[in-house]
């Protein structure tokens, strides 16, 4: 009887020990799950906080950029609302008499008047709408900003002052009328009675019969200097 009782006691002890081990295992599993969930929550919270900080930082950067842009616009406004970024360049005259602008000619579309460093202008910021240049002859002055857009399309712009001979004006007008990607208009604020302009290039001629006229047309009408070759010279403004 003693042996049976002892065996039963040992079995009960083992059973109790196994149950205790199982309880401890379940407790460890619960702790592990709690730790895993806690870690996940902390990680997500960190991502959320980091995202907020990043967005706030970008927002601050954008505000700084906007402030700088507004300050620049205000400065432009103090200068009379005019826009011009090409004043650092200058003309260099070649052996053929053609003057080439050495500075960078910006190509932004603007609606404000532009203060050009040369007259007539040979490039720079300009109006979003080009001046019709499909052999168009204008008898009144045109806006620089629209004409410069035409130069960007590869047009040659013929200009003249009141000192130009009427015969030369008539001959050049006839040439322009039969030449696509050209235009002509009076322009009093220029250094010579007769001038030809293309994007980045300009030439003074003595008369309509000057051989340099044909050469300039052949070289610069839709020439290699054209920023936007093939762009339209119709469908713009008429004056």
C-alpha atoms as a PDB file:
ATOM      1  CA  UNK A   1       0.000   0.000   0.000  1.00  0.00           C
ATOM      2  CA  UNK A   2       2.813   2.389   0.799  1.00  0.00           C
ATOM      3  CA  UNK A   3       4.360   1.906  -2.601  1.00  0.00           C
ATOM      4  CA  UNK A   4       1.080   2.615  -4.403  1.00  0.00           C
ATOM      5  CA  UNK A   5       0.571   5.766  -2.408  1.00  0.00           C
ATOM      6  CA  UNK A   6       4.071   6.921  -3.157  1.00  0.00           C
ATOM      7  CA  UNK A   7       3.627   6.247  -6.881  1.00  0.00           C
ATOM      8  CA  UNK A   8       0.383   8.189  -6.930  1.00  0.00           C
ATOM      9  CA  UNK A   9       2.020  11.083  -5.177  1.00  0.00           C
ATOM     10  CA  UNK A  10       4.859  11.112  -7.696  1.00  0.00           C
ATOM     11  CA  UNK A  11       2.417  11.056 -10.607  1.00  0.00           C
ATOM     12  CA  UNK A  12       0.415  13.895  -9.123  1.00  0.00           C
ATOM     13  CA  UNK A  13       3.621  15.833  -8.625  1.00  0.00           C
ATOM     14  CA  UNK A  14       4.661  15.355 -12.212  1.00  0.00           C
ATOM     15  CA  UNK A  15       1.193  16.393 -13.401  1.00  0.00           C
ATOM     16  CA  UNK A  16       1.308  19.521 -11.266  1.00  0.00           C
ATOM     17  CA  UNK A  17       4.800  20.318 -12.538  1.00  0.00           C
ATOM     18  CA  UNK A  18       3.679  19.924 -16.166  1.00  0.00           C
ATOM     19  CA  UNK A  19       0.685  22.187 -15.529  1.00  0.00           C
ATOM     20  CA  UNK A  20       2.986  24.753 -13.944  1.00  0.00           C
ATOM     21  CA  UNK A  21       5.309  24.600 -16.944  1.00  0.00           C
ATOM     22  CA  UNK A  22       2.335  25.082 -19.275  1.00  0.00           C
ATOM     23  CA  UNK A  23       1.118  28.063 -17.250  1.00  0.00           C
ATOM     24  CA  UNK A  24       4.602  29.572 -17.392  1.00  0.00           C
ATOM     25  CA  UNK A  25       4.757  28.965 -21.160  1.00  0.00           C
ATOM     26  CA  UNK A  26       1.372  30.645 -21.656  1.00  0.00           C
ATOM     27  CA  UNK A  27       2.530  33.551 -19.526  1.00  0.00           C
ATOM     28  CA  UNK A  28       5.688  33.920 -21.637  1.00  0.00           C
ATOM     29  CA  UNK A  29       3.600  33.800 -24.813  1.00  0.00           C
ATOM     30  CA  UNK A  30       1.321  36.532 -23.453  1.00  0.00           C
ATOM     31  CA  UNK A  31       4.336  38.689 -22.538  1.00  0.00           C
ATOM     32  CA  UNK A  32       5.843  38.113 -25.989  1.00  0.00           C
ATOM     33  CA  UNK A  33       2.600  39.148 -27.698  1.00  0.00           C
ATOM     34  CA  UNK A  34       2.311  42.238 -25.511  1.00  0.00           C
ATOM     35  CA  UNK A  35       5.914  43.199 -26.252  1.00  0.00           C
ATOM     36  CA  UNK A  36       5.391  42.654 -29.991  1.00  0.00           C
ATOM     37  CA  UNK A  37       2.225  44.755 -30.015  1.00  0.00           C
ATOM     38  CA  UNK A  38       3.919  47.474 -27.981  1.00  0.00           C
ATOM     39  CA  UNK A  39       6.884  47.522 -30.353  1.00  0.00           C
ATOM     40  CA  UNK A  40       4.560  47.779 -33.353  1.00  0.00           C
ATOM     41  CA  UNK A  41       2.661  50.652 -31.766  1.00  0.00           C
ATOM     42  CA  UNK A  42       5.896  52.460 -30.987  1.00  0.00           C
ATOM     43  CA  UNK A  43       7.180  51.941 -34.529  1.00  0.00           C
ATOM     44  CA  UNK A  44       3.950  53.235 -36.074  1.00  0.00           C
ATOM     45  CA  UNK A  45       3.957  56.204 -33.735  1.00  0.00           C
ATOM     46  CA  UNK A  46       7.531  56.932 -34.738  1.00  0.00           C
ATOM     47  CA  UNK A  47       6.611  56.852 -38.416  1.00  0.00           C
ATOM     48  CA  UNK A  48       3.660  59.153 -37.822  1.00  0.00           C
ATOM     49  CA  UNK A  49       5.755  61.625 -35.856  1.00  0.00           C
ATOM     50  CA  UNK A  50       8.539  61.467 -38.449  1.00  0.00           C
ATOM     51  CA  UNK A  51       6.042  62.076 -41.247  1.00  0.00           C
ATOM     52  CA  UNK A  52       4.595  65.079 -39.456  1.00  0.00           C
ATOM     53  CA  UNK A  53       8.057  66.510 -38.892  1.00  0.00           C
ATOM     54  CA  UNK A  54       8.996  65.924 -42.548  1.00  0.00           C
ATOM     55  CA  UNK A  55       5.810  67.554 -43.846  1.00  0.00           C
ATOM     56  CA  UNK A  56       6.290  70.481 -41.500  1.00  0.00           C
ATOM     57  CA  UNK A  57       9.905  70.834 -42.650  1.00  0.00           C
ATOM     58  CA  UNK A  58       8.878  70.790 -46.317  1.00  0.00           C
ATOM     59  CA  UNK A  59       6.147  73.285 -45.561  1.00  0.00           C
ATOM     60  CA  UNK A  60       8.672  75.584 -43.898  1.00  0.00           C
ATOM     61  CA  UNK A  61      10.991  75.226 -46.895  1.00  0.00           C
ATOM     62  CA  UNK A  62       8.143  76.017 -49.281  1.00  0.00           C
ATOM     63  CA  UNK A  63       7.230  79.049 -47.219  1.00  0.00           C
ATOM     64  CA  UNK A  64      10.837  80.229 -47.370  1.00  0.00           C
ATOM     65  CA  UNK A  65      10.880  79.751 -51.146  1.00  0.00           C
ATOM     66  CA  UNK A  66       7.556  81.541 -51.513  1.00  0.00           C
ATOM     67  CA  UNK A  67       8.836  84.386 -49.379  1.00  0.00           C
ATOM     68  CA  UNK A  68      11.941  84.716 -51.549  1.00  0.00           C
ATOM     69  CA  UNK A  69       9.802  84.656 -54.694  1.00  0.00           C
ATOM     70  CA  UNK A  70       7.471  87.283 -53.296  1.00  0.00           C
ATOM     71  CA  UNK A  71      10.421  89.440 -52.313  1.00  0.00           C
ATOM     72  CA  UNK A  72      11.820  89.184 -55.842  1.00  0.00           C
ATOM     73  CA  UNK A  73       8.432  90.060 -57.307  1.00  0.00           C
ATOM     74  CA  UNK A  74       8.167  93.025 -54.980  1.00  0.00           C
ATOM     75  CA  UNK A  75      11.609  94.185 -56.045  1.00  0.00           C
ATOM     76  CA  UNK A  76      10.570  93.897 -59.697  1.00  0.00           C
ATOM     77  CA  UNK A  77       7.482  95.883 -58.888  1.00  0.00           C
ATOM     78  CA  UNK A  78       9.613  98.664 -57.379  1.00  0.00           C
ATOM     79  CA  UNK A  79      11.555  98.754 -60.628  1.00  0.00           C
ATOM     80  CA  UNK A  80       8.398  99.680 -62.501  1.00  0.00           C
ATOM     81  CA  UNK A  81       6.981  96.201 -63.063  1.00  0.00           C
ATOM     82  CA  UNK A  82       9.483  95.474 -65.832  1.00  0.00           C
ATOM     83  CA  UNK A  83      11.244  92.166 -66.303  1.00  0.00           C
ATOM     84  CA  UNK A  84      14.679  91.729 -67.817  1.00  0.00           C
ATOM     85  CA  UNK A  85      17.491  89.248 -67.155  1.00  0.00           C
ATOM     86  CA  UNK A  86      19.757  89.612 -70.174  1.00  0.00           C
ATOM     87  CA  UNK A  87      21.653  92.801 -69.334  1.00  0.00           C
ATOM     88  CA  UNK A  88      24.941  90.997 -68.578  1.00  0.00           C
ATOM     89  CA  UNK A  89      25.658  90.299 -72.242  1.00  0.00           C
ATOM     90  CA  UNK A  90      26.870  92.472 -75.086  1.00  0.00           C
ATOM     91  CA  UNK A  91      27.154  92.402 -78.854  1.00  0.00           C
ATOM     92  CA  UNK A  92      30.194  91.075 -80.680  1.00  0.00           C
ATOM     93  CA  UNK A  93      30.473  92.076 -84.337  1.00  0.00           C
ATOM     94  CA  UNK A  94      31.599  89.481 -86.865  1.00  0.00           C
ATOM     95  CA  UNK A  95      33.483  90.003 -90.121  1.00  0.00           C
ATOM     96  CA  UNK A  96      30.177  89.993 -92.005  1.00  0.00           C
ATOM     97  CA  UNK A  97      28.884  92.864 -89.867  1.00  0.00           C
ATOM     98  CA  UNK A  98      26.381  90.702 -87.995  1.00  0.00           C
ATOM     99  CA  UNK A  99      26.327  91.448 -84.279  1.00  0.00           C
ATOM    100  CA  UNK A 100      25.864  88.445 -81.991  1.00  0.00           C
ATOM    101  CA  UNK A 101      24.640  88.765 -78.399  1.00  0.00           C
ATOM    102  CA  UNK A 102      27.010  87.040 -75.986  1.00  0.00           C
ATOM    103  CA  UNK A 103      24.770  86.927 -72.919  1.00  0.00           C
ATOM    104  CA  UNK A 104      22.221  84.261 -72.116  1.00  0.00           C
ATOM    105  CA  UNK A 105      18.815  85.136 -73.560  1.00  0.00           C
ATOM    106  CA  UNK A 106      16.087  83.921 -71.218  1.00  0.00           C
ATOM    107  CA  UNK A 107      12.878  82.571 -72.711  1.00  0.00           C
ATOM    108  CA  UNK A 108      10.262  82.964 -69.993  1.00  0.00           C
ATOM    109  CA  UNK A 109       6.698  83.896 -70.877  1.00  0.00           C
ATOM    110  CA  UNK A 110       5.680  87.064 -69.059  1.00  0.00           C
ATOM    111  CA  UNK A 111       2.757  89.444 -69.272  1.00  0.00           C
ATOM    112  CA  UNK A 112       4.547  92.465 -67.812  1.00  0.00           C
ATOM    113  CA  UNK A 113       6.580  94.858 -69.980  1.00  0.00           C
ATOM    114  CA  UNK A 114      10.179  93.732 -70.462  1.00  0.00           C
ATOM    115  CA  UNK A 115      13.182  96.053 -70.189  1.00  0.00           C
ATOM    116  CA  UNK A 116      15.465  94.841 -72.982  1.00  0.00           C
ATOM    117  CA  UNK A 117      19.169  95.769 -73.071  1.00  0.00           C
ATOM    118  CA  UNK A 118      19.148  96.233 -76.864  1.00  0.00           C
ATOM    119  CA  UNK A 119      16.820  97.883 -79.390  1.00  0.00           C
ATOM    120  CA  UNK A 120      15.255  96.271 -81.241  1.00  0.00           C
ATOM    121  CA  UNK A 121      15.536  93.310 -78.866  1.00  0.00           C
ATOM    122  CA  UNK A 122      16.991  90.059 -80.193  1.00  0.00           C
ATOM    123  CA  UNK A 123      15.674  87.761 -77.466  1.00  0.00           C
ATOM    124  CA  UNK A 124      14.825  87.434 -73.817  1.00  0.00           C
ATOM    125  CA  UNK A 125      11.624  87.054 -71.821  1.00  0.00           C
ATOM    126  CA  UNK A 126       8.580  87.719 -73.969  1.00  0.00           C
ATOM    127  CA  UNK A 127       4.811  87.718 -74.177  1.00  0.00           C
ATOM    128  CA  UNK A 128       3.120  84.304 -74.346  1.00  0.00           C
ATOM    129  CA  UNK A 129       1.547  85.301 -77.693  1.00  0.00           C
ATOM    130  CA  UNK A 130       3.773  85.808 -80.733  1.00  0.00           C
ATOM    131  CA  UNK A 131       3.347  88.490 -83.382  1.00  0.00           C
ATOM    132  CA  UNK A 132       2.165  87.131 -86.718  1.00  0.00           C
ATOM    133  CA  UNK A 133       5.272  86.768 -88.854  1.00  0.00           C
ATOM    134  CA  UNK A 134       4.160  85.043 -92.030  1.00  0.00           C
ATOM    135  CA  UNK A 135       5.429  87.840 -94.257  1.00  0.00           C
ATOM    136  CA  UNK A 136       3.511  90.428 -92.223  1.00  0.00           C
ATOM    137  CA  UNK A 137       4.258  94.121 -92.761  1.00  0.00           C
ATOM    138  CA  UNK A 138       3.110  96.469 -89.990  1.00  0.00           C
ATOM    139  CA  UNK A 139       2.865 100.190 -90.673  1.00  0.00           C
ATOM    140  CA  UNK A 140       2.680 101.058 -86.963  1.00  0.00           C
ATOM    141  CA  UNK A 141       5.048 100.129 -84.104  1.00  0.00           C
ATOM    142  CA  UNK A 142       4.487  96.725 -82.531  1.00  0.00           C
ATOM    143  CA  UNK A 143       5.146  95.501 -79.021  1.00  0.00           C
ATOM    144  CA  UNK A 144       8.678  94.238 -78.425  1.00  0.00           C
ATOM    145  CA  UNK A 145       7.430  91.399 -76.237  1.00  0.00           C
ATOM    146  CA  UNK A 146       5.302  89.904 -79.019  1.00  0.00           C
ATOM    147  CA  UNK A 147       7.938  90.413 -81.715  1.00  0.00           C
ATOM    148  CA  UNK A 148      10.598  88.683 -79.589  1.00  0.00           C
ATOM    149  CA  UNK A 149       8.332  85.643 -79.380  1.00  0.00           C
ATOM    150  CA  UNK A 150       8.305  85.639 -83.200  1.00  0.00           C
ATOM    151  CA  UNK A 151      12.111  85.650 -83.209  1.00  0.00           C
ATOM    152  CA  UNK A 152      11.981  82.616 -80.937  1.00  0.00           C
ATOM    153  CA  UNK A 153       9.996  80.880 -83.693  1.00  0.00           C
ATOM    154  CA  UNK A 154      12.758  81.608 -86.195  1.00  0.00           C
ATOM    155  CA  UNK A 155      11.509  84.832 -87.770  1.00  0.00           C
ATOM    156  CA  UNK A 156      13.607  87.731 -89.104  1.00  0.00           C
ATOM    157  CA  UNK A 157      12.353  91.147 -88.027  1.00  0.00           C
ATOM    158  CA  UNK A 158      12.984  94.104 -90.360  1.00  0.00           C
ATOM    159  CA  UNK A 159      12.763  97.506 -88.649  1.00  0.00           C
ATOM    160  CA  UNK A 160      13.206 101.072 -89.866  1.00  0.00           C
ATOM    161  CA  UNK A 161      13.110 104.642 -88.594  1.00  0.00           C
ATOM    162  CA  UNK A 162      11.677 107.796 -90.130  1.00  0.00           C
ATOM    163  CA  UNK A 163      15.130 108.499 -91.604  1.00  0.00           C
ATOM    164  CA  UNK A 164      14.963 105.474 -93.907  1.00  0.00           C
ATOM    165  CA  UNK A 165      14.390 106.186 -97.580  1.00  0.00           C
ATOM    166  CA  UNK A 166      10.849 105.451 -98.693  1.00  0.00           C
ATOM    167  CA  UNK A 167      12.176 103.416-101.604  1.00  0.00           C
ATOM    168  CA  UNK A 168      14.136 101.183 -99.236  1.00  0.00           C
ATOM    169  CA  UNK A 169      11.130 100.723 -96.966  1.00  0.00           C
ATOM    170  CA  UNK A 170       8.958  99.769 -99.950  1.00  0.00           C
ATOM    171  CA  UNK A 171      11.549  97.325-101.327  1.00  0.00           C
ATOM    172  CA  UNK A 172      12.061  95.639 -97.978  1.00  0.00           C
ATOM    173  CA  UNK A 173       8.304  95.427 -97.437  1.00  0.00           C
ATOM    174  CA  UNK A 174       7.951  93.667-100.786  1.00  0.00           C
ATOM    175  CA  UNK A 175      10.661  91.186 -99.818  1.00  0.00           C
ATOM    176  CA  UNK A 176       9.058  90.503 -96.444  1.00  0.00           C
ATOM    177  CA  UNK A 177       5.599  89.957 -97.940  1.00  0.00           C
ATOM    178  CA  UNK A 178       6.880  87.083-100.066  1.00  0.00           C
ATOM    179  CA  UNK A 179       9.026  85.492 -97.324  1.00  0.00           C
ATOM    180  CA  UNK A 180       7.445  83.283 -94.626  1.00  0.00           C
ATOM    181  CA  UNK A 181       8.842  83.689 -91.114  1.00  0.00           C
ATOM    182  CA  UNK A 182       9.538  87.403 -91.538  1.00  0.00           C
ATOM    183  CA  UNK A 183       7.881  90.585 -90.321  1.00  0.00           C
ATOM    184  CA  UNK A 184       8.488  94.310 -90.649  1.00  0.00           C
ATOM    185  CA  UNK A 185       7.559  97.357 -88.586  1.00  0.00           C
ATOM    186  CA  UNK A 186       8.700 100.936 -87.868  1.00  0.00           C
ATOM    187  CA  UNK A 187      11.015 101.284 -84.860  1.00  0.00           C
ATOM    188  CA  UNK A 188      12.262 104.714 -83.904  1.00  0.00           C
ATOM    189  CA  UNK A 189      14.409 103.678 -80.926  1.00  0.00           C
ATOM    190  CA  UNK A 190      17.235 102.082 -82.900  1.00  0.00           C
ATOM    191  CA  UNK A 191      20.714 103.253 -83.872  1.00  0.00           C
ATOM    192  CA  UNK A 192      20.360 103.081 -87.674  1.00  0.00           C
ATOM    193  CA  UNK A 193      17.590 103.681 -90.226  1.00  0.00           C
ATOM    194  CA  UNK A 194      17.490 100.046 -91.399  1.00  0.00           C
ATOM    195  CA  UNK A 195      18.102  96.998 -89.209  1.00  0.00           C
ATOM    196  CA  UNK A 196      17.488  93.253 -89.392  1.00  0.00           C
ATOM    197  CA  UNK A 197      17.072  91.141 -86.264  1.00  0.00           C
ATOM    198  CA  UNK A 198      16.909  87.423 -85.505  1.00  0.00           C
ATOM    199  CA  UNK A 199      17.147  85.541 -82.201  1.00  0.00           C
ATOM    200  CA  UNK A 200      20.541  86.553 -80.774  1.00  0.00           C
ATOM    201  CA  UNK A 201      21.686  88.329 -83.965  1.00  0.00           C
ATOM    202  CA  UNK A 202      21.339  91.789 -85.525  1.00  0.00           C
ATOM    203  CA  UNK A 203      22.561  93.615 -88.608  1.00  0.00           C
ATOM    204  CA  UNK A 204      22.536  97.205 -89.833  1.00  0.00           C
ATOM    205  CA  UNK A 205      22.179  97.598 -93.611  1.00  0.00           C
ATOM    206  CA  UNK A 206      22.708 100.645 -95.764  1.00  0.00           C
ATOM    207  CA  UNK A 207      19.833 100.022 -98.178  1.00  0.00           C
ATOM    208  CA  UNK A 208      17.350  97.441 -99.386  1.00  0.00           C
ATOM    209  CA  UNK A 209      19.770  96.522-102.185  1.00  0.00           C
ATOM    210  CA  UNK A 210      22.602  95.748 -99.759  1.00  0.00           C
ATOM    211  CA  UNK A 211      23.733  92.137-100.506  1.00  0.00           C
ATOM    212  CA  UNK A 212      23.831  91.568 -96.740  1.00  0.00           C
ATOM    213  CA  UNK A 213      20.013  91.636 -96.688  1.00  0.00           C
ATOM    214  CA  UNK A 214      19.636  88.472 -98.775  1.00  0.00           C
ATOM    215  CA  UNK A 215      22.462  86.781 -96.882  1.00  0.00           C
ATOM    216  CA  UNK A 216      20.870  87.592 -93.509  1.00  0.00           C
ATOM    217  CA  UNK A 217      17.512  86.240 -94.663  1.00  0.00           C
ATOM    218  CA  UNK A 218      19.111  83.068 -96.033  1.00  0.00           C
ATOM    219  CA  UNK A 219      21.038  82.471 -92.813  1.00  0.00           C
ATOM    220  CA  UNK A 220      18.529  83.382 -90.125  1.00  0.00           C
ATOM    221  CA  UNK A 221      15.010  82.735 -91.451  1.00  0.00           C
ATOM    222  CA  UNK A 222      14.364  79.469 -89.573  1.00  0.00           C
ATOM    223  CA  UNK A 223      18.136  79.321 -89.103  1.00  0.00           C
ATOM    224  CA  UNK A 224      20.189  77.262 -86.677  1.00  0.00           C
ATOM    225  CA  UNK A 225      19.814  79.969 -84.016  1.00  0.00           C
ATOM    226  CA  UNK A 226      16.057  79.311 -83.782  1.00  0.00           C
ATOM    227  CA  UNK A 227      15.050  78.128 -80.275  1.00  0.00           C
ATOM    228  CA  UNK A 228      11.740  76.707 -81.548  1.00  0.00           C
ATOM    229  CA  UNK A 229      12.150  75.697 -85.217  1.00  0.00           C
ATOM    230  CA  UNK A 230       8.909  75.047 -87.034  1.00  0.00           C
ATOM    231  CA  UNK A 231       6.746  76.845 -84.466  1.00  0.00           C
ATOM    232  CA  UNK A 232       3.873  78.771 -85.991  1.00  0.00           C
ATOM    233  CA  UNK A 233       4.122  82.306 -87.344  1.00  0.00           C
ATOM    234  CA  UNK A 234       0.355  82.609 -87.730  1.00  0.00           C
ATOM    235  CA  UNK A 235      -2.468  82.566 -85.216  1.00  0.00           C
ATOM    236  CA  UNK A 236      -0.773  85.130 -82.967  1.00  0.00           C
ATOM    237  CA  UNK A 237      -1.514  88.813 -82.594  1.00  0.00           C
ATOM    238  CA  UNK A 238      -1.780  91.185 -85.533  1.00  0.00           C
ATOM    239  CA  UNK A 239      -0.095  94.231 -83.947  1.00  0.00           C
END
